[in-house]
C-alpha atoms as a PDB file:
ATOM      1  CA  MET A   1     -13.663   2.822  -5.116  1.00  0.00           C
ATOM      2  CA  ASN A   2     -11.639   2.763  -2.085  1.00  0.00           C
ATOM      3  CA  GLY A   3     -11.017   5.521   0.373  1.00  0.00           C
ATOM      4  CA  TYR A   4     -11.173   6.790   3.888  1.00  0.00           C
ATOM      5  CA  GLY A   5     -13.198   9.265   5.940  1.00  0.00           C
ATOM      6  CA  THR A   6     -14.552   9.977   9.387  1.00  0.00           C
ATOM      7  CA  VAL A   7     -17.584   8.250  10.969  1.00  0.00           C
ATOM      8  CA  GLU A   8     -20.060  11.049  11.113  1.00  0.00           C
ATOM      9  CA  ALA A   9     -23.057   9.154  12.789  1.00  0.00           C
ATOM     10  CA  ILE A  10     -23.767   5.636  13.916  1.00  0.00           C
ATOM     11  CA  TYR A  11     -27.288   4.438  14.361  1.00  0.00           C
ATOM     12  CA  ARG A  12     -26.696   1.256  16.370  1.00  0.00           C
ATOM     13  CA  GLN A  13     -30.333   0.281  16.694  1.00  0.00           C
ATOM     14  CA  LEU A  14     -30.677   0.277  12.910  1.00  0.00           C
ATOM     15  CA  GLY A  15     -27.318  -1.258  12.289  1.00  0.00           C
ATOM     16  CA  ILE A  16     -25.991   1.481  10.131  1.00  0.00           C
ATOM     17  CA  GLY A  17     -23.606   4.360  10.102  1.00  0.00           C
ATOM     18  CA  VAL A  18     -22.518   7.251   7.997  1.00  0.00           C
ATOM     19  CA  ILE A  19     -18.815   8.122   6.901  1.00  0.00           C
ATOM     20  CA  LYS A  20     -18.153  11.646   5.679  1.00  0.00           C
ATOM     21  CA  LYS A  21     -15.236  12.058   3.203  1.00  0.00           C
ATOM     22  CA  GLU A  22     -12.965  14.988   2.999  1.00  0.00           C
ATOM     23  CA  ASN A  23     -14.880  16.422   0.229  1.00  0.00           C
ATOM     24  CA  GLY A  24     -18.142  16.326   2.180  1.00  0.00           C
ATOM     25  CA  GLU A  25     -19.651  13.413   0.403  1.00  0.00           C
ATOM     26  CA  ARG A  26     -21.276  10.649   2.546  1.00  0.00           C
ATOM     27  CA  ILE A  27     -20.850   6.886   2.490  1.00  0.00           C
ATOM     28  CA  ILE A  28     -23.457   4.660   4.094  1.00  0.00           C
ATOM     29  CA  PHE A  29     -22.358   1.500   5.982  1.00  0.00           C
ATOM     30  CA  THR A  30     -23.861  -1.427   7.718  1.00  0.00           C
ATOM     31  CA  ALA A  31     -22.907  -3.501  10.581  1.00  0.00           C
ATOM     32  CA  GLY A  32     -22.364  -6.451   8.273  1.00  0.00           C
ATOM     33  CA  SER A  33     -19.810  -4.407   6.255  1.00  0.00           C
ATOM     34  CA  VAL A  34     -17.468  -3.769   9.147  1.00  0.00           C
ATOM     35  CA  LYS A  35     -14.318  -5.872   9.764  1.00  0.00           C
ATOM     36  CA  GLY A  36     -15.176  -7.922  12.769  1.00  0.00           C
ATOM     37  CA  GLY A  37     -18.907  -8.046  12.183  1.00  0.00           C
ATOM     38  CA  ASP A  38     -21.156  -7.019  14.851  1.00  0.00           C
ATOM     39  CA  GLN A  39     -18.402  -6.675  17.495  1.00  0.00           C
ATOM     40  CA  GLY A  40     -16.321  -4.504  15.020  1.00  0.00           C
ATOM     41  CA  PHE A  41     -19.437  -2.335  14.407  1.00  0.00           C
ATOM     42  CA  GLN A  42     -19.904  -1.924  18.258  1.00  0.00           C
ATOM     43  CA  ASP A  43     -16.122  -0.842  18.555  1.00  0.00           C
ATOM     44  CA  ILE A  44     -16.507   2.022  15.985  1.00  0.00           C
ATOM     45  CA  GLU A  45     -17.027   5.453  17.449  1.00  0.00           C
ATOM     46  CA  GLU A  46     -18.264   8.701  15.884  1.00  0.00           C
ATOM     47  CA  GLY A  47     -15.274  10.828  14.933  1.00  0.00           C
ATOM     48  CA  GLU A  48     -13.192   7.932  14.233  1.00  0.00           C
ATOM     49  CA  ASP A  49     -11.165   7.721  10.847  1.00  0.00           C
ATOM     50  CA  VAL A  50     -11.998   4.471   8.863  1.00  0.00           C
ATOM     51  CA  TYR A  51     -11.081   3.029   5.515  1.00  0.00           C
ATOM     52  CA  TYR A  52     -13.769   1.684   3.144  1.00  0.00           C
ATOM     53  CA  ARG A  53     -14.482  -0.049  -0.082  1.00  0.00           C
ATOM     54  CA  VAL A  54     -17.813   0.826  -1.754  1.00  0.00           C
ATOM     55  CA  PHE A  55     -20.117  -1.034  -4.254  1.00  0.00           C
ATOM     56  CA  ASN A  56     -20.311   0.460  -7.886  1.00  0.00           C
ATOM     57  CA  ASP A  57     -23.986   1.201  -7.471  1.00  0.00           C
ATOM     58  CA  LYS A  58     -25.166   4.061  -5.575  1.00  0.00           C
ATOM     59  CA  ILE A  59     -28.556   4.872  -4.025  1.00  0.00           C
ATOM     60  CA  ASP A  60     -29.687   8.531  -4.858  1.00  0.00           C
ATOM     61  CA  SER A  61     -26.053   9.308  -5.439  1.00  0.00           C
ATOM     62  CA  ILE A  62     -24.976   8.061  -1.957  1.00  0.00           C
ATOM     63  CA  GLY A  63     -22.257   5.343  -1.949  1.00  0.00           C
ATOM     64  CA  ILE A  64     -22.851   2.067   0.154  1.00  0.00           C
ATOM     65  CA  ALA A  65     -19.752   0.572   1.695  1.00  0.00           C
ATOM     66  CA  ARG A  66     -19.069  -3.078   1.286  1.00  0.00           C
ATOM     67  CA  ASP A  67     -16.054  -3.233   3.597  1.00  0.00           C
ATOM     68  CA  VAL A  68     -15.149  -0.845   6.546  1.00  0.00           C
ATOM     69  CA  TRP A  69     -12.290  -1.009   8.934  1.00  0.00           C
ATOM     70  CA  LYS A  70     -10.703   1.353  11.422  1.00  0.00           C
ATOM     71  CA  LYS A  71      -7.838   3.391   9.943  1.00  0.00           C
ATOM     72  CA  HIS A  72      -5.426   2.387  12.701  1.00  0.00           C
ATOM     73  CA  ASP A  73      -5.849  -1.197  11.964  1.00  0.00           C
ATOM     74  CA  GLY A  74      -3.214  -0.516   9.166  1.00  0.00           C
ATOM     75  CA  GLY A  75      -5.616  -1.031   6.303  1.00  0.00           C
ATOM     76  CA  LYS A  76      -5.900  -4.785   6.766  1.00  0.00           C
END
């Protein structure tokens, strides 16, 4: 599944973040899933809009992103 949402929280020391979709569902992402790797993860801020792709599997009904990139990057 592909989509977009807003970064709700970033836990930099843990290397994870949470994306909130328009419908209220949440997607978890890791530093390794962000375009640009660790630097890309550091550049993402709470409140920023991002695109994402998720794995088919979920953990306790929460999606896990495999690719995340800033919406203003043109979806590349």
